[in-house]
């Protein structure tokens, strides 16, 4: 008996993938400081692992991204992309 994914789960996974796509731009931006790039890579890896529910993955990512977005060395466009990702992730509930 296979479990079919709920519509909400599918929507949550789509939001996670959009957030990962936006965060990838920040990681690939050469103006992003190395410590921020490393933190965002870890966030992307944790969001991509499907060992936990989307809500738990999103909550963990929000904590890290909120802290990273406060860094004064971050460019404006990168900060905006992080905030956009945060907005998507904040909508995810289990």
Protein backbone atom coordinates (compact mmCIF):
# COMPACT_ATOMS: atom_id res chain seq x y z
CA UNK A 1 0.00 0.00 0.00
CA UNK A 2 1.75 3.17 -1.16
CA UNK A 3 1.14 6.44 0.54
CA UNK A 4 0.17 9.21 -1.83
CA UNK A 5 1.52 12.62 -0.89
CA UNK A 6 -0.96 15.17 0.35
CA UNK A 7 -1.45 18.34 -1.67
CA UNK A 8 -0.02 20.35 1.23
CA UNK A 9 3.15 18.22 1.26
CA UNK A 10 3.64 18.71 -2.46
CA UNK A 11 3.18 22.48 -2.11
CA UNK A 12 5.64 22.58 0.79
CA UNK A 13 8.27 20.69 -1.20
CA UNK A 14 7.78 23.12 -4.11
CA UNK A 15 8.33 26.07 -1.76
CA UNK A 16 11.48 24.44 -0.42
CA UNK A 17 12.81 23.92 -3.93
CA UNK A 18 12.13 27.58 -4.83
CA UNK A 19 13.91 28.69 -1.66
CA UNK A 20 16.88 26.45 -2.47
CA UNK A 21 17.01 27.91 -5.98
CA UNK A 22 17.13 31.48 -4.59
CA UNK A 23 19.76 30.54 -2.03
CA UNK A 24 21.88 28.97 -4.76
CA UNK A 25 22.19 32.39 -6.37
CA UNK A 26 23.62 33.74 -3.10
CA UNK A 27 26.08 30.85 -2.81
CA UNK A 28 27.27 31.35 -6.40
CA UNK A 29 27.66 35.12 -5.99
CA UNK A 30 31.38 35.92 -5.68
CA UNK A 31 30.65 38.96 -3.51
CA UNK A 32 29.12 36.79 -0.77
CA UNK A 33 31.52 36.36 2.17
CA UNK A 34 32.86 32.84 2.65
CA UNK A 35 31.33 32.30 6.10
CA UNK A 36 27.88 33.21 4.79
CA UNK A 37 28.35 31.04 1.72
CA UNK A 38 29.26 28.06 3.94
CA UNK A 39 26.25 28.62 6.20
CA UNK A 40 23.90 28.80 3.24
CA UNK A 41 25.40 25.64 1.72
CA UNK A 42 24.60 23.85 4.99
CA UNK A 43 21.05 25.21 4.86
CA UNK A 44 20.64 24.00 1.27
CA UNK A 45 21.91 20.54 2.25
CA UNK A 46 19.56 20.30 5.22
CA UNK A 47 16.59 21.48 3.13
CA UNK A 48 17.39 18.89 0.45
CA UNK A 49 17.44 15.95 2.88
CA UNK A 50 13.99 14.44 3.13
CA UNK A 51 14.62 12.61 6.40
CA UNK A 52 12.40 15.01 8.36
CA UNK A 53 9.16 16.80 7.64
CA UNK A 54 9.16 19.98 5.55
CA UNK A 55 8.12 22.06 8.56
CA UNK A 56 11.08 20.94 10.65
CA UNK A 57 13.53 21.51 7.79
CA UNK A 58 12.07 24.96 7.14
CA UNK A 59 12.21 25.95 10.83
CA UNK A 60 15.86 24.96 11.10
CA UNK A 61 16.70 26.87 7.92
CA UNK A 62 14.83 29.97 9.12
CA UNK A 63 16.95 30.13 12.27
CA UNK A 64 20.21 30.08 10.32
CA UNK A 65 19.06 32.38 7.53
CA UNK A 66 17.71 34.96 9.95
CA UNK A 67 21.11 35.17 11.63
CA UNK A 68 22.99 35.24 8.31
CA UNK A 69 20.80 38.02 6.91
CA UNK A 70 21.96 40.35 9.70
CA UNK A 71 25.60 40.28 8.58
CA UNK A 72 26.71 43.81 7.59
CA UNK A 73 29.10 42.46 4.93
CA UNK A 74 26.24 40.95 2.91
CA UNK A 75 25.36 42.68 -0.35
CA UNK A 76 21.90 44.16 -0.74
CA UNK A 77 20.84 41.77 -3.51
CA UNK A 78 21.98 38.74 -1.51
CA UNK A 79 20.13 39.97 1.57
CA UNK A 80 16.99 40.46 -0.52
CA UNK A 81 17.26 36.91 -1.89
CA UNK A 82 17.70 35.53 1.62
CA UNK A 83 14.63 37.46 2.79
CA UNK A 84 12.64 36.12 -0.17
CA UNK A 85 13.69 32.60 0.77
CA UNK A 86 12.70 33.25 4.37
CA UNK A 87 9.27 34.39 3.24
CA UNK A 88 8.73 31.14 1.35
CA UNK A 89 10.00 29.01 4.22
CA UNK A 90 7.85 30.80 6.82
CA UNK A 91 4.73 29.67 4.96
CA UNK A 92 5.61 26.00 5.45
CA UNK A 93 3.66 24.28 8.20
CA UNK A 94 3.26 20.57 8.93
